[in-house]
Amino acid sequence: MASTSELACVYSALILSDDDIEITADKITTLLKAASVDYEPYWPNLFAKALAGRNIKDLITNVGTGAGAPAAAAAGGGDATDAPAAEEKKAEKVEEEEESDDDMGFGLFD
């Protein structure tokens, strides 16, 4: 679980991002002091370096969207017509595996 000082740095970064202010260790420290939060001195620097040059709003809006999937498909170099054929082959393999499980002659609860 995240510590209080770590969460305070996260919230500080979100506040700065929401106001379109560059996220720096000094600005995070200023917000933490204004909120009277006890924090470890390494957290502001760590967050500032981790978020340098990144758009936090884009990170938040793209959580869980699977943004890497289209890039992986594009890297394959295949046409869109190749995708259905590959899916059919995978479906056939799955069906074959299911049938082979039934041929064992016993069930899980026998």
N, C-alpha and C. Protein backbone atom coordinates (compact mmCIF):
# COMPACT_ATOMS: atom_id res chain seq x y z
N MET A 1 0.84 -1.17 0.00
CA MET A 1 0.00 0.00 0.00
C MET A 1 0.89 1.24 0.00
N ALA A 2 0.44 2.25 -0.65
CA ALA A 2 1.21 3.48 -0.79
C ALA A 2 1.25 4.24 0.53
N SER A 3 2.38 4.87 0.77
CA SER A 3 2.51 5.66 1.99
C SER A 3 1.82 7.02 1.80
N THR A 4 1.62 7.70 2.91
CA THR A 4 0.97 9.01 2.88
C THR A 4 1.79 10.00 2.08
N SER A 5 3.10 9.97 2.26
CA SER A 5 3.95 10.92 1.53
C SER A 5 3.95 10.63 0.03
N GLU A 6 3.87 9.36 -0.34
CA GLU A 6 3.82 9.00 -1.76
C GLU A 6 2.50 9.47 -2.37
N LEU A 7 1.40 9.23 -1.67
CA LEU A 7 0.11 9.69 -2.17
C LEU A 7 0.04 11.21 -2.27
N ALA A 8 0.64 11.88 -1.31
CA ALA A 8 0.66 13.34 -1.34
C ALA A 8 1.41 13.84 -2.57
N CYS A 9 2.48 13.16 -2.95
CA CYS A 9 3.22 13.53 -4.16
C CYS A 9 2.39 13.28 -5.41
N VAL A 10 1.65 12.20 -5.43
CA VAL A 10 0.77 11.90 -6.56
C VAL A 10 -0.26 13.01 -6.71
N TYR A 11 -0.90 13.36 -5.59
CA TYR A 11 -1.91 14.41 -5.64
C TYR A 11 -1.31 15.76 -6.03
N SER A 12 -0.11 16.03 -5.56
CA SER A 12 0.56 17.28 -5.93
C SER A 12 0.83 17.33 -7.43
N ALA A 13 1.28 16.20 -7.98
CA ALA A 13 1.53 16.13 -9.42
C ALA A 13 0.24 16.32 -10.21
N LEU A 14 -0.84 15.74 -9.71
CA LEU A 14 -2.14 15.90 -10.38
C LEU A 14 -2.62 17.35 -10.32
N ILE A 15 -2.41 18.00 -9.19
CA ILE A 15 -2.79 19.41 -9.06
C ILE A 15 -2.00 20.27 -10.05
N LEU A 16 -0.70 20.04 -10.10
CA LEU A 16 0.13 20.82 -11.02
C LEU A 16 -0.27 20.56 -12.47
N SER A 17 -0.53 19.32 -12.78
CA SER A 17 -0.93 18.97 -14.15
C SER A 17 -2.27 19.59 -14.51
N ASP A 18 -3.19 19.59 -13.56
CA ASP A 18 -4.52 20.15 -13.81
C ASP A 18 -4.44 21.65 -14.09
N ASP A 19 -3.48 22.32 -13.46
CA ASP A 19 -3.30 23.76 -13.68
C ASP A 19 -2.34 24.05 -14.83
N ASP A 20 -1.92 23.02 -15.56
CA ASP A 20 -0.98 23.15 -16.68
C ASP A 20 0.33 23.81 -16.26
N ILE A 21 0.82 23.39 -15.10
CA ILE A 21 2.09 23.87 -14.57
C ILE A 21 3.10 22.74 -14.69
N GLU A 22 4.32 23.08 -15.06
CA GLU A 22 5.36 22.06 -15.19
C GLU A 22 5.62 21.41 -13.83
N ILE A 23 5.77 20.10 -13.85
CA ILE A 23 5.96 19.35 -12.60
C ILE A 23 7.45 19.29 -12.30
N THR A 24 7.82 19.95 -11.21
CA THR A 24 9.21 19.94 -10.75
C THR A 24 9.23 19.55 -9.28
N ALA A 25 10.38 19.14 -8.80
CA ALA A 25 10.52 18.75 -7.40
C ALA A 25 10.23 19.93 -6.48
N ASP A 26 10.66 21.11 -6.88
CA ASP A 26 10.43 22.30 -6.05
C ASP A 26 8.94 22.61 -5.91
N LYS A 27 8.21 22.47 -6.98
CA LYS A 27 6.77 22.76 -6.94
C LYS A 27 6.01 21.71 -6.14
N ILE A 28 6.42 20.46 -6.27
CA ILE A 28 5.81 19.41 -5.46
C ILE A 28 6.10 19.65 -3.98
N THR A 29 7.34 20.01 -3.67
CA THR A 29 7.73 20.31 -2.29
C THR A 29 6.93 21.47 -1.74
N THR A 30 6.73 22.51 -2.54
CA THR A 30 5.95 23.67 -2.10
C THR A 30 4.52 23.26 -1.74
N LEU A 31 3.91 22.44 -2.59
CA LEU A 31 2.55 21.98 -2.29
C LEU A 31 2.50 21.11 -1.04
N LEU A 32 3.49 20.25 -0.86
CA LEU A 32 3.53 19.39 0.31
C LEU A 32 3.68 20.20 1.60
N LYS A 33 4.54 21.22 1.54
CA LYS A 33 4.73 22.08 2.72
C LYS A 33 3.46 22.89 3.00
N ALA A 34 2.79 23.35 1.95
CA ALA A 34 1.56 24.12 2.13
C ALA A 34 0.46 23.26 2.74
N ALA A 35 0.48 21.97 2.46
CA ALA A 35 -0.53 21.06 3.00
C ALA A 35 -0.10 20.46 4.34
N SER A 36 1.06 20.84 4.82
CA SER A 36 1.61 20.33 6.10
C SER A 36 1.70 18.81 6.11
N VAL A 37 2.21 18.26 5.02
CA VAL A 37 2.37 16.81 4.90
C VAL A 37 3.81 16.45 5.26
N ASP A 38 3.96 15.43 6.12
CA ASP A 38 5.29 14.90 6.40
C ASP A 38 5.65 13.97 5.26
N TYR A 39 6.81 14.17 4.67
CA TYR A 39 7.20 13.38 3.51
C TYR A 39 8.68 13.08 3.55
N GLU A 40 9.03 12.01 2.89
CA GLU A 40 10.43 11.66 2.74
C GLU A 40 11.02 12.56 1.65
N PRO A 41 12.22 13.06 1.85
CA PRO A 41 12.78 14.04 0.91
C PRO A 41 13.03 13.51 -0.51
N TYR A 42 13.06 12.21 -0.69
CA TYR A 42 13.33 11.68 -2.02
C TYR A 42 12.09 11.62 -2.91
N TRP A 43 10.89 11.64 -2.33
CA TRP A 43 9.68 11.51 -3.13
C TRP A 43 9.49 12.62 -4.16
N PRO A 44 9.61 13.89 -3.81
CA PRO A 44 9.41 14.94 -4.84
C PRO A 44 10.35 14.80 -6.03
N ASN A 45 11.62 14.52 -5.76
CA ASN A 45 12.59 14.35 -6.86
C ASN A 45 12.24 13.13 -7.72
N LEU A 46 11.85 12.06 -7.06
CA LEU A 46 11.51 10.83 -7.78
C LEU A 46 10.32 11.05 -8.71
N PHE A 47 9.28 11.70 -8.19
CA PHE A 47 8.10 11.95 -9.01
C PHE A 47 8.40 12.94 -10.13
N ALA A 48 9.19 13.97 -9.84
CA ALA A 48 9.51 14.97 -10.86
C ALA A 48 10.28 14.32 -12.01
N LYS A 49 11.23 13.46 -11.69
CA LYS A 49 12.01 12.79 -12.74
C LYS A 49 11.17 11.79 -13.51
N ALA A 50 10.30 11.08 -12.82
CA ALA A 50 9.46 10.08 -13.48
C ALA A 50 8.45 10.71 -14.42
N LEU A 51 7.99 11.91 -14.09
CA LEU A 51 6.96 12.55 -14.89
C LEU A 51 7.50 13.63 -15.83
N ALA A 52 8.81 13.78 -15.88
CA ALA A 52 9.40 14.81 -16.74
C ALA A 52 9.10 14.51 -18.21
N GLY A 53 8.55 15.51 -18.88
CA GLY A 53 8.27 15.39 -20.31
C GLY A 53 7.06 14.54 -20.64
N ARG A 54 6.26 14.17 -19.66
CA ARG A 54 5.06 13.36 -19.91
C ARG A 54 3.81 14.18 -19.68
N ASN A 55 2.81 13.86 -20.43
CA ASN A 55 1.52 14.51 -20.26
C ASN A 55 0.66 13.62 -19.37
N ILE A 56 0.48 14.04 -18.14
CA ILE A 56 -0.24 13.23 -17.17
C ILE A 56 -1.69 13.04 -17.58
N LYS A 57 -2.28 14.04 -18.19
CA LYS A 57 -3.68 13.92 -18.62
C LYS A 57 -3.84 12.79 -19.63
N ASP A 58 -2.87 12.65 -20.53
CA ASP A 58 -2.92 11.54 -21.49
C ASP A 58 -2.73 10.19 -20.79
N LEU A 59 -1.85 10.16 -19.80
CA LEU A 59 -1.64 8.92 -19.06
C LEU A 59 -2.91 8.48 -18.35
N ILE A 60 -3.61 9.43 -17.78
CA ILE A 60 -4.83 9.10 -17.04
C ILE A 60 -5.94 8.66 -17.98
N THR A 61 -6.09 9.35 -19.10
CA THR A 61 -7.18 9.00 -20.01
C THR A 61 -6.93 7.71 -20.78
N ASN A 62 -5.68 7.26 -20.86
CA ASN A 62 -5.36 6.05 -21.62
C ASN A 62 -5.16 4.83 -20.73
N VAL A 63 -5.50 4.90 -19.47
CA VAL A 63 -5.34 3.76 -18.58
C VAL A 63 -6.31 2.67 -19.00
N GLY A 64 -5.79 1.49 -19.26
CA GLY A 64 -6.63 0.34 -19.58
C GLY A 64 -7.19 0.31 -20.98
N THR A 65 -6.73 1.17 -21.86
CA THR A 65 -7.27 1.17 -23.22
C THR A 65 -6.56 0.18 -24.12
N GLY A 66 -5.46 -0.38 -23.67
CA GLY A 66 -4.73 -1.33 -24.51
C GLY A 66 -4.08 -0.64 -25.69
N ALA A 67 -3.48 0.49 -25.45
CA ALA A 67 -2.88 1.28 -26.52
C ALA A 67 -1.77 0.52 -27.24
N GLY A 68 -1.16 -0.47 -26.61
CA GLY A 68 -0.09 -1.22 -27.23
C GLY A 68 -0.58 -2.22 -28.27
N ALA A 69 -1.84 -2.60 -28.25
CA ALA A 69 -2.35 -3.61 -29.16
C ALA A 69 -2.29 -3.18 -30.63
N PRO A 70 -2.72 -1.97 -30.99
CA PRO A 70 -2.62 -1.59 -32.40
C PRO A 70 -1.18 -1.51 -32.88
N ALA A 71 -0.29 -1.09 -32.00
CA ALA A 71 1.11 -1.00 -32.38
C ALA A 71 1.68 -2.39 -32.65
N ALA A 72 1.29 -3.34 -31.85
CA ALA A 72 1.78 -4.71 -32.05
C ALA A 72 1.24 -5.28 -33.36
N ALA A 73 0.00 -4.99 -33.69
CA ALA A 73 -0.57 -5.48 -34.95
C ALA A 73 0.11 -4.82 -36.14
N ALA A 74 0.41 -3.55 -36.01
CA ALA A 74 1.08 -2.83 -37.10
C ALA A 74 2.50 -3.34 -37.28
N ALA A 75 3.15 -3.72 -36.20
CA ALA A 75 4.52 -4.20 -36.29
C ALA A 75 4.60 -5.55 -36.99
N GLY A 76 3.52 -6.29 -36.99
CA GLY A 76 3.50 -7.60 -37.64
C GLY A 76 3.64 -7.51 -39.14
N GLY A 77 3.26 -6.39 -39.72
CA GLY A 77 3.40 -6.19 -41.15
C GLY A 77 2.35 -6.90 -41.96
N GLY A 78 1.39 -7.56 -41.35
CA GLY A 78 0.36 -8.28 -42.08
C GLY A 78 -0.75 -7.35 -42.53
N ASP A 79 -1.49 -7.81 -43.54
CA ASP A 79 -2.64 -7.05 -44.00
C ASP A 79 -3.82 -7.34 -43.10
N ALA A 80 -4.86 -6.56 -43.27
CA ALA A 80 -6.07 -6.78 -42.50
C ALA A 80 -6.71 -8.11 -42.90
N THR A 81 -6.47 -8.58 -44.11
CA THR A 81 -7.05 -9.84 -44.57
C THR A 81 -6.39 -11.03 -43.91
N ASP A 82 -5.16 -10.87 -43.40
CA ASP A 82 -4.47 -11.96 -42.73
C ASP A 82 -5.03 -12.22 -41.34
N ALA A 83 -5.59 -11.23 -40.72
CA ALA A 83 -6.05 -11.35 -39.34
C ALA A 83 -7.17 -12.38 -39.19
N PRO A 84 -8.21 -12.40 -40.04
CA PRO A 84 -9.26 -13.42 -39.85
C PRO A 84 -8.74 -14.84 -40.01
N ALA A 85 -7.83 -15.06 -40.93
CA ALA A 85 -7.28 -16.40 -41.13
C ALA A 85 -6.52 -16.85 -39.89
N ALA A 86 -5.78 -15.95 -39.28
CA ALA A 86 -5.04 -16.29 -38.07
C ALA A 86 -5.99 -16.58 -36.93
N GLU A 87 -7.08 -15.83 -36.83
CA GLU A 87 -8.05 -16.07 -35.78
C GLU A 87 -8.73 -17.42 -35.96
N GLU A 88 -9.01 -17.82 -37.21
CA GLU A 88 -9.63 -19.12 -37.47
C GLU A 88 -8.71 -20.25 -37.04
N LYS A 89 -7.41 -20.11 -37.33
CA LYS A 89 -6.45 -21.14 -36.94
C LYS A 89 -6.40 -21.28 -35.43
N LYS A 90 -6.41 -20.14 -34.72
CA LYS A 90 -6.39 -20.20 -33.26
C LYS A 90 -7.66 -20.86 -32.73
N ALA A 91 -8.79 -20.55 -33.34
CA ALA A 91 -10.06 -21.14 -32.90
C ALA A 91 -10.05 -22.65 -33.10
N GLU A 92 -9.48 -23.11 -34.21
CA GLU A 92 -9.41 -24.54 -34.47
C GLU A 92 -8.53 -25.24 -33.43
N LYS A 93 -7.41 -24.61 -33.07
CA LYS A 93 -6.53 -25.20 -32.07
C LYS A 93 -7.22 -25.32 -30.72
N VAL A 94 -7.97 -24.28 -30.36
CA VAL A 94 -8.68 -24.31 -29.09
C VAL A 94 -9.70 -25.43 -29.07
N GLU A 95 -10.42 -25.61 -30.17
CA GLU A 95 -11.41 -26.68 -30.25
C GLU A 95 -10.76 -28.05 -30.14
N GLU A 96 -9.62 -28.24 -30.79
CA GLU A 96 -8.93 -29.51 -30.73
C GLU A 96 -8.47 -29.82 -29.30
N GLU A 97 -7.98 -28.81 -28.59
CA GLU A 97 -7.53 -29.01 -27.23
C GLU A 97 -8.70 -29.40 -26.33
N GLU A 98 -9.84 -28.81 -26.52
CA GLU A 98 -11.01 -29.13 -25.71
C GLU A 98 -11.43 -30.58 -25.93
N GLU A 99 -11.39 -31.05 -27.18
CA GLU A 99 -11.77 -32.42 -27.49
C GLU A 99 -10.79 -33.41 -26.86
N SER A 100 -9.52 -33.10 -26.86
CA SER A 100 -8.54 -34.01 -26.31
C SER A 100 -8.71 -34.17 -24.80
N ASP A 101 -9.22 -33.18 -24.12
CA ASP A 101 -9.47 -33.29 -22.69
C ASP A 101 -10.59 -34.28 -22.40
N ASP A 102 -11.57 -34.37 -23.29
CA ASP A 102 -12.71 -35.26 -23.10
C ASP A 102 -12.33 -36.73 -23.30
N ASP A 103 -11.26 -37.01 -24.01
CA ASP A 103 -10.88 -38.37 -24.35
C ASP A 103 -10.11 -39.07 -23.24
N MET A 104 -9.90 -38.44 -22.12
CA MET A 104 -9.09 -39.04 -21.07
C MET A 104 -9.81 -40.15 -20.34
N GLY A 105 -11.13 -40.24 -20.43
CA GLY A 105 -11.87 -41.34 -19.83
C GLY A 105 -12.27 -41.12 -18.40
N PHE A 106 -11.92 -40.02 -17.81
CA PHE A 106 -12.34 -39.74 -16.44
C PHE A 106 -12.59 -38.25 -16.29
N GLY A 107 -13.40 -37.91 -15.33
CA GLY A 107 -13.73 -36.52 -15.07
C GLY A 107 -13.07 -36.05 -13.79
N LEU A 108 -13.17 -34.83 -13.55
CA LEU A 108 -12.56 -34.23 -12.37
C LEU A 108 -13.20 -34.72 -11.09
N PHE A 109 -14.52 -34.95 -11.13
CA PHE A 109 -15.23 -35.32 -9.93
C PHE A 109 -15.69 -36.78 -9.92
N ASP A 110 -15.08 -37.65 -10.72
CA ASP A 110 -15.46 -39.08 -10.75
C ASP A 110 -14.85 -39.82 -9.61
